Amino acid sequence: MIRTVRNHILKQIQEESNLGRKPFLEVIVDLTTLEKCGKFKEFENLISVYNGKRGLHLVVLYLVFGKWRIPWSFRICGGKGTTIPAQLGLKLVQHLPKIFSSNFQTLILADTAFGSRNLFTAYVNSNIMQLSD
């Protein structure tokens, strides 16, 4: 189902991007917390505290093209001792289809919750720079 929806989205975006110069595609990396209180035994390994908030922490990647804001993918932050949110966000960006970098001027925007130094360091140390040609 997800593949079908994504393919449809790609087709729609491609049809609108064929006119004129390369359009802009905003890629937004957002850290969202679904706050939880109480006990959740089934989700004990997923509930953690980050930036003073206890809950399920999601890194969500949105594509913004024209009037569309499309949630494209997400990862769950595992808490202490796992991959930091900035690195999760960069992995999401790195796994975007190559068609985006070839057909669009790509702008990557990130939520301030990632911490500017962590995100910038992860960005510089990755191969992501090839995305924005």
C-alpha atoms as a PDB file:
ATOM      1  CA  MET A   1       0.000   0.000   0.000  1.00  0.00           C
ATOM      2  CA  ILE A   2       2.786   2.421   0.956  1.00  0.00           C
ATOM      3  CA  ARG A   3       4.667   1.715  -2.291  1.00  0.00           C
ATOM      4  CA  THR A   4       1.536   2.303  -4.328  1.00  0.00           C
ATOM      5  CA  VAL A   5       0.853   5.637  -2.625  1.00  0.00           C
ATOM      6  CA  ARG A   6       4.487   6.724  -2.989  1.00  0.00           C
ATOM      7  CA  ASN A   7       4.532   5.812  -6.678  1.00  0.00           C
ATOM      8  CA  HIS A   8       1.372   7.832  -7.216  1.00  0.00           C
ATOM      9  CA  ILE A   9       2.899  10.811  -5.375  1.00  0.00           C
ATOM     10  CA  LEU A  10       6.098  10.552  -7.443  1.00  0.00           C
ATOM     11  CA  LYS A  11       4.084  10.478 -10.645  1.00  0.00           C
ATOM     12  CA  GLN A  12       2.051  13.554  -9.628  1.00  0.00           C
ATOM     13  CA  ILE A  13       5.141  15.507  -8.612  1.00  0.00           C
ATOM     14  CA  GLN A  14       6.961  14.572 -11.827  1.00  0.00           C
ATOM     15  CA  GLU A  15       4.069  15.735 -13.967  1.00  0.00           C
ATOM     16  CA  GLU A  16       4.099  19.138 -12.302  1.00  0.00           C
ATOM     17  CA  SER A  17       7.894  19.493 -12.341  1.00  0.00           C
ATOM     18  CA  ASN A  18       8.351  19.112 -16.113  1.00  0.00           C
ATOM     19  CA  LEU A  19       7.527  22.734 -16.887  1.00  0.00           C
ATOM     20  CA  GLY A  20      10.313  25.368 -16.965  1.00  0.00           C
ATOM     21  CA  ARG A  21      13.309  25.457 -14.662  1.00  0.00           C
ATOM     22  CA  LYS A  22      13.914  23.047 -11.806  1.00  0.00           C
ATOM     23  CA  PRO A  23      11.328  23.696  -9.096  1.00  0.00           C
ATOM     24  CA  PHE A  24      12.119  23.733  -5.392  1.00  0.00           C
ATOM     25  CA  LEU A  25      11.413  20.729  -3.219  1.00  0.00           C
ATOM     26  CA  GLU A  26      11.571  21.309   0.517  1.00  0.00           C
ATOM     27  CA  VAL A  27      12.551  18.313   2.600  1.00  0.00           C
ATOM     28  CA  ILE A  28      11.561  18.910   6.213  1.00  0.00           C
ATOM     29  CA  VAL A  29      13.042  16.764   8.963  1.00  0.00           C
ATOM     30  CA  ASP A  30      10.899  17.068  12.078  1.00  0.00           C
ATOM     31  CA  LEU A  31      11.272  15.623  15.568  1.00  0.00           C
ATOM     32  CA  THR A  32       7.852  14.890  17.045  1.00  0.00           C
ATOM     33  CA  THR A  33       7.155  13.550  20.512  1.00  0.00           C
ATOM     34  CA  LEU A  34       3.994  11.687  21.370  1.00  0.00           C
ATOM     35  CA  GLU A  35       4.026  12.375  25.092  1.00  0.00           C
ATOM     36  CA  LYS A  36       3.149   9.468  27.352  1.00  0.00           C
ATOM     37  CA  CYS A  37       2.591   9.181  31.070  1.00  0.00           C
ATOM     38  CA  GLY A  38       1.764   6.043  32.959  1.00  0.00           C
ATOM     39  CA  LYS A  39       3.056   2.544  32.289  1.00  0.00           C
ATOM     40  CA  PHE A  40       3.191   0.947  28.877  1.00  0.00           C
ATOM     41  CA  LYS A  41       4.801  -2.472  29.340  1.00  0.00           C
ATOM     42  CA  GLU A  42       4.445  -3.377  25.661  1.00  0.00           C
ATOM     43  CA  PHE A  43       6.322  -0.230  24.612  1.00  0.00           C
ATOM     44  CA  GLU A  44       8.881   0.000  27.434  1.00  0.00           C
ATOM     45  CA  ASN A  45      11.823  -0.097  25.021  1.00  0.00           C
ATOM     46  CA  LEU A  46      10.322   2.675  22.844  1.00  0.00           C
ATOM     47  CA  ILE A  47       9.305   5.170  25.555  1.00  0.00           C
ATOM     48  CA  SER A  48      12.176   7.434  26.596  1.00  0.00           C
ATOM     49  CA  VAL A  49      12.957  10.950  27.775  1.00  0.00           C
ATOM     50  CA  TYR A  50      14.390  13.373  25.225  1.00  0.00           C
ATOM     51  CA  ASN A  51      14.653  17.146  25.672  1.00  0.00           C
ATOM     52  CA  GLY A  52      12.715  16.794  28.929  1.00  0.00           C
ATOM     53  CA  LYS A  53       9.749  15.049  27.295  1.00  0.00           C
ATOM     54  CA  ARG A  54       8.771  11.473  28.083  1.00  0.00           C
ATOM     55  CA  GLY A  55       7.150   9.608  25.238  1.00  0.00           C
ATOM     56  CA  LEU A  56       7.566   8.086  21.831  1.00  0.00           C
ATOM     57  CA  HIS A  57       9.972  10.214  19.778  1.00  0.00           C
ATOM     58  CA  LEU A  58       9.564  10.152  16.003  1.00  0.00           C
ATOM     59  CA  VAL A  59      11.780  11.626  13.315  1.00  0.00           C
ATOM     60  CA  VAL A  60       9.403  12.432  10.441  1.00  0.00           C
ATOM     61  CA  LEU A  61      10.434  13.434   6.927  1.00  0.00           C
ATOM     62  CA  TYR A  62       7.992  15.596   4.949  1.00  0.00           C
ATOM     63  CA  LEU A  63       8.180  16.654   1.315  1.00  0.00           C
ATOM     64  CA  VAL A  64       6.823  20.091   0.501  1.00  0.00           C
ATOM     65  CA  PHE A  65       6.112  20.759  -3.143  1.00  0.00           C
ATOM     66  CA  GLY A  66       3.877  23.681  -4.005  1.00  0.00           C
ATOM     67  CA  LYS A  67       0.780  23.419  -1.840  1.00  0.00           C
ATOM     68  CA  TRP A  68       1.438  19.782  -0.899  1.00  0.00           C
ATOM     69  CA  ARG A  69       3.043  18.704   2.382  1.00  0.00           C
ATOM     70  CA  ILE A  70       3.503  14.952   2.226  1.00  0.00           C
ATOM     71  CA  PRO A  71       4.692  12.793   5.134  1.00  0.00           C
ATOM     72  CA  TRP A  72       7.188  10.555   3.337  1.00  0.00           C
ATOM     73  CA  SER A  73       8.892   8.432   6.009  1.00  0.00           C
ATOM     74  CA  PHE A  74       9.667   8.195   9.709  1.00  0.00           C
ATOM     75  CA  ARG A  75      11.911   6.483  12.242  1.00  0.00           C
ATOM     76  CA  ILE A  76      11.406   5.882  15.953  1.00  0.00           C
ATOM     77  CA  CYS A  77      14.158   7.148  18.256  1.00  0.00           C
ATOM     78  CA  GLY A  78      15.271   4.329  20.495  1.00  0.00           C
ATOM     79  CA  GLY A  79      16.545   6.409  23.400  1.00  0.00           C
ATOM     80  CA  LYS A  80      19.884   6.407  25.162  1.00  0.00           C
ATOM     81  CA  GLY A  81      22.603   4.350  23.517  1.00  0.00           C
ATOM     82  CA  THR A  82      20.951   4.282  20.075  1.00  0.00           C
ATOM     83  CA  THR A  83      21.261   6.410  16.941  1.00  0.00           C
ATOM     84  CA  ILE A  84      20.743  10.103  17.685  1.00  0.00           C
ATOM     85  CA  PRO A  85      17.782  11.888  16.037  1.00  0.00           C
ATOM     86  CA  ALA A  86      20.046  13.994  13.779  1.00  0.00           C
ATOM     87  CA  GLN A  87      21.578  10.842  12.295  1.00  0.00           C
ATOM     88  CA  LEU A  88      18.144   9.238  11.892  1.00  0.00           C
ATOM     89  CA  GLY A  89      16.968  12.328  10.007  1.00  0.00           C
ATOM     90  CA  LEU A  90      19.958  12.226   7.696  1.00  0.00           C
ATOM     91  CA  LYS A  91      19.370   8.542   6.983  1.00  0.00           C
ATOM     92  CA  LEU A  92      15.812   9.377   5.973  1.00  0.00           C
ATOM     93  CA  VAL A  93      17.077  12.072   3.605  1.00  0.00           C
ATOM     94  CA  GLN A  94      19.730   9.779   2.144  1.00  0.00           C
ATOM     95  CA  HIS A  95      17.069   7.194   1.298  1.00  0.00           C
ATOM     96  CA  LEU A  96      14.978   9.591  -0.773  1.00  0.00           C
ATOM     97  CA  PRO A  97      14.582   8.540  -4.416  1.00  0.00           C
ATOM     98  CA  LYS A  98      17.316   9.945  -6.684  1.00  0.00           C
ATOM     99  CA  ILE A  99      14.625  11.449  -8.907  1.00  0.00           C
ATOM    100  CA  PHE A 100      14.236  14.236  -6.358  1.00  0.00           C
ATOM    101  CA  SER A 101      17.844  15.383  -6.642  1.00  0.00           C
ATOM    102  CA  SER A 102      17.817  15.202 -10.428  1.00  0.00           C
ATOM    103  CA  ASN A 103      14.472  16.973 -10.997  1.00  0.00           C
ATOM    104  CA  PHE A 104      14.438  19.512  -8.152  1.00  0.00           C
ATOM    105  CA  GLN A 105      16.443  22.129  -6.349  1.00  0.00           C
ATOM    106  CA  THR A 106      16.326  20.445  -2.949  1.00  0.00           C
ATOM    107  CA  LEU A 107      16.226  22.455   0.266  1.00  0.00           C
ATOM    108  CA  ILE A 108      16.691  20.557   3.519  1.00  0.00           C
ATOM    109  CA  LEU A 109      15.055  22.115   6.570  1.00  0.00           C
ATOM    110  CA  ALA A 110      15.279  20.722  10.092  1.00  0.00           C
ATOM    111  CA  ASP A 111      13.450  21.175  13.344  1.00  0.00           C
ATOM    112  CA  THR A 112      15.479  22.998  16.020  1.00  0.00           C
ATOM    113  CA  ALA A 113      14.869  20.090  18.410  1.00  0.00           C
ATOM    114  CA  PHE A 114      17.719  18.244  16.688  1.00  0.00           C
ATOM    115  CA  GLY A 115      20.290  20.642  18.076  1.00  0.00           C
ATOM    116  CA  SER A 116      22.127  22.632  15.468  1.00  0.00           C
ATOM    117  CA  ARG A 117      25.620  21.319  16.257  1.00  0.00           C
ATOM    118  CA  ASN A 118      24.596  17.636  16.137  1.00  0.00           C
ATOM    119  CA  LEU A 119      22.702  18.047  12.885  1.00  0.00           C
ATOM    120  CA  PHE A 120      25.397  20.169  11.233  1.00  0.00           C
ATOM    121  CA  THR A 121      28.150  17.735  12.247  1.00  0.00           C
ATOM    122  CA  ALA A 122      26.180  14.738  10.993  1.00  0.00           C
ATOM    123  CA  TYR A 123      25.397  16.635   7.770  1.00  0.00           C
ATOM    124  CA  VAL A 124      29.028  17.525   7.083  1.00  0.00           C
ATOM    125  CA  ASN A 125      30.185  13.968   7.822  1.00  0.00           C
ATOM    126  CA  SER A 126      27.640  12.395   5.468  1.00  0.00           C
ATOM    127  CA  ASN A 127      27.374  12.107   1.705  1.00  0.00           C
ATOM    128  CA  ILE A 128      24.188  14.113   1.715  1.00  0.00           C
ATOM    129  CA  MET A 129      25.763  17.161   0.102  1.00  0.00           C
ATOM    130  CA  GLN A 130      25.372  15.515  -3.300  1.00  0.00           C
ATOM    131  CA  LEU A 131      21.605  15.841  -2.906  1.00  0.00           C
ATOM    132  CA  SER A 132      21.524  19.601  -3.405  1.00  0.00           C
ATOM    133  CA  ASP A 133      23.765  19.693  -6.540  1.00  0.00           C
END
